[in-house]
């Protein structure tokens, strides 16, 4: 999955579960500023962050595990 597709999935998850960017940042182990920059297309997640987002979304059942 591409970086920005992951960010869109992450934002959809956040909105669906009615959590703030701050709470999401805490759940991901990154700063609010980092999450805010992703959502505002100022930066893209690094490869490590991309892996962490994928793992988070898979654990939440948002994206399916590859078989």
C-alpha atoms as a PDB file:
ATOM      1  CA  UNK A   1       0.000   0.000   0.000  1.00  0.00           C
ATOM      2  CA  UNK A   2       1.312   3.451  -0.872  1.00  0.00           C
ATOM      3  CA  UNK A   3       2.181   5.950   1.862  1.00  0.00           C
ATOM      4  CA  UNK A   4      -0.668   8.346   1.165  1.00  0.00           C
ATOM      5  CA  UNK A   5      -3.182   5.497   0.794  1.00  0.00           C
ATOM      6  CA  UNK A   6      -2.160   4.390   4.275  1.00  0.00           C
ATOM      7  CA  UNK A   7      -2.624   7.918   5.565  1.00  0.00           C
ATOM      8  CA  UNK A   8      -6.122   8.030   4.041  1.00  0.00           C
ATOM      9  CA  UNK A   9      -6.984   4.707   5.703  1.00  0.00           C
ATOM     10  CA  UNK A  10      -5.595   5.999   8.983  1.00  0.00           C
ATOM     11  CA  UNK A  11      -7.653   9.189   8.765  1.00  0.00           C
ATOM     12  CA  UNK A  12     -10.786   7.196   7.911  1.00  0.00           C
ATOM     13  CA  UNK A  13     -10.157   5.019  10.964  1.00  0.00           C
ATOM     14  CA  UNK A  14      -9.686   8.116  13.124  1.00  0.00           C
ATOM     15  CA  UNK A  15     -12.894   9.751  11.926  1.00  0.00           C
ATOM     16  CA  UNK A  16     -14.922   6.545  12.180  1.00  0.00           C
ATOM     17  CA  UNK A  17     -13.811   6.001  15.767  1.00  0.00           C
ATOM     18  CA  UNK A  18     -14.110   9.704  16.642  1.00  0.00           C
ATOM     19  CA  UNK A  19     -10.618  10.041  18.041  1.00  0.00           C
ATOM     20  CA  UNK A  20      -8.423  13.101  17.846  1.00  0.00           C
ATOM     21  CA  UNK A  21      -5.132  13.341  16.014  1.00  0.00           C
ATOM     22  CA  UNK A  22      -3.478  13.603  19.438  1.00  0.00           C
ATOM     23  CA  UNK A  23      -4.986  10.308  20.626  1.00  0.00           C
ATOM     24  CA  UNK A  24      -4.080   8.619  17.342  1.00  0.00           C
ATOM     25  CA  UNK A  25      -0.521   9.928  17.629  1.00  0.00           C
ATOM     26  CA  UNK A  26      -0.259   8.456  21.132  1.00  0.00           C
ATOM     27  CA  UNK A  27      -1.568   5.099  19.891  1.00  0.00           C
ATOM     28  CA  UNK A  28       1.030   5.092  17.098  1.00  0.00           C
ATOM     29  CA  UNK A  29       3.881   6.299  19.304  1.00  0.00           C
ATOM     30  CA  UNK A  30       4.515   9.467  17.293  1.00  0.00           C
ATOM     31  CA  UNK A  31       3.895  13.141  17.977  1.00  0.00           C
ATOM     32  CA  UNK A  32       0.722  15.057  17.205  1.00  0.00           C
ATOM     33  CA  UNK A  33       2.751  17.241  14.826  1.00  0.00           C
ATOM     34  CA  UNK A  34       3.830  14.173  12.839  1.00  0.00           C
ATOM     35  CA  UNK A  35       0.259  12.918  12.418  1.00  0.00           C
ATOM     36  CA  UNK A  36      -0.973  16.409  11.575  1.00  0.00           C
ATOM     37  CA  UNK A  37       1.694  16.787   8.867  1.00  0.00           C
ATOM     38  CA  UNK A  38       0.697  13.440   7.333  1.00  0.00           C
ATOM     39  CA  UNK A  39      -2.969  14.435   7.201  1.00  0.00           C
ATOM     40  CA  UNK A  40      -2.163  17.860   5.738  1.00  0.00           C
ATOM     41  CA  UNK A  41       0.187  16.347   3.106  1.00  0.00           C
ATOM     42  CA  UNK A  42       3.188  18.241   4.472  1.00  0.00           C
ATOM     43  CA  UNK A  43       5.222  15.054   4.920  1.00  0.00           C
ATOM     44  CA  UNK A  44       4.889  11.358   4.180  1.00  0.00           C
ATOM     45  CA  UNK A  45       5.476   8.522   6.634  1.00  0.00           C
ATOM     46  CA  UNK A  46       8.969   7.034   6.555  1.00  0.00           C
ATOM     47  CA  UNK A  47       9.351   3.343   5.713  1.00  0.00           C
ATOM     48  CA  UNK A  48       9.459   2.495   9.427  1.00  0.00           C
ATOM     49  CA  UNK A  49       6.387   4.633  10.121  1.00  0.00           C
ATOM     50  CA  UNK A  50       4.635   3.053   7.137  1.00  0.00           C
ATOM     51  CA  UNK A  51       5.296  -0.388   8.622  1.00  0.00           C
ATOM     52  CA  UNK A  52       3.967   0.759  12.020  1.00  0.00           C
ATOM     53  CA  UNK A  53       0.813   2.216  10.435  1.00  0.00           C
ATOM     54  CA  UNK A  54       0.201  -0.993   8.463  1.00  0.00           C
ATOM     55  CA  UNK A  55       0.649  -3.070  11.612  1.00  0.00           C
ATOM     56  CA  UNK A  56      -1.689  -0.773  13.565  1.00  0.00           C
ATOM     57  CA  UNK A  57      -4.402  -0.899  10.882  1.00  0.00           C
ATOM     58  CA  UNK A  58      -4.094  -4.684  10.539  1.00  0.00           C
ATOM     59  CA  UNK A  59      -4.434  -5.099  14.315  1.00  0.00           C
ATOM     60  CA  UNK A  60      -7.557  -2.926  14.216  1.00  0.00           C
ATOM     61  CA  UNK A  61      -9.000  -4.989  11.345  1.00  0.00           C
ATOM     62  CA  UNK A  62      -9.011  -2.035   8.952  1.00  0.00           C
ATOM     63  CA  UNK A  63      -6.804  -3.686   6.351  1.00  0.00           C
ATOM     64  CA  UNK A  64      -6.490  -7.380   5.656  1.00  0.00           C
ATOM     65  CA  UNK A  65      -3.304  -9.327   6.230  1.00  0.00           C
ATOM     66  CA  UNK A  66      -1.631 -10.554   3.078  1.00  0.00           C
ATOM     67  CA  UNK A  67      -1.836 -14.324   2.709  1.00  0.00           C
END
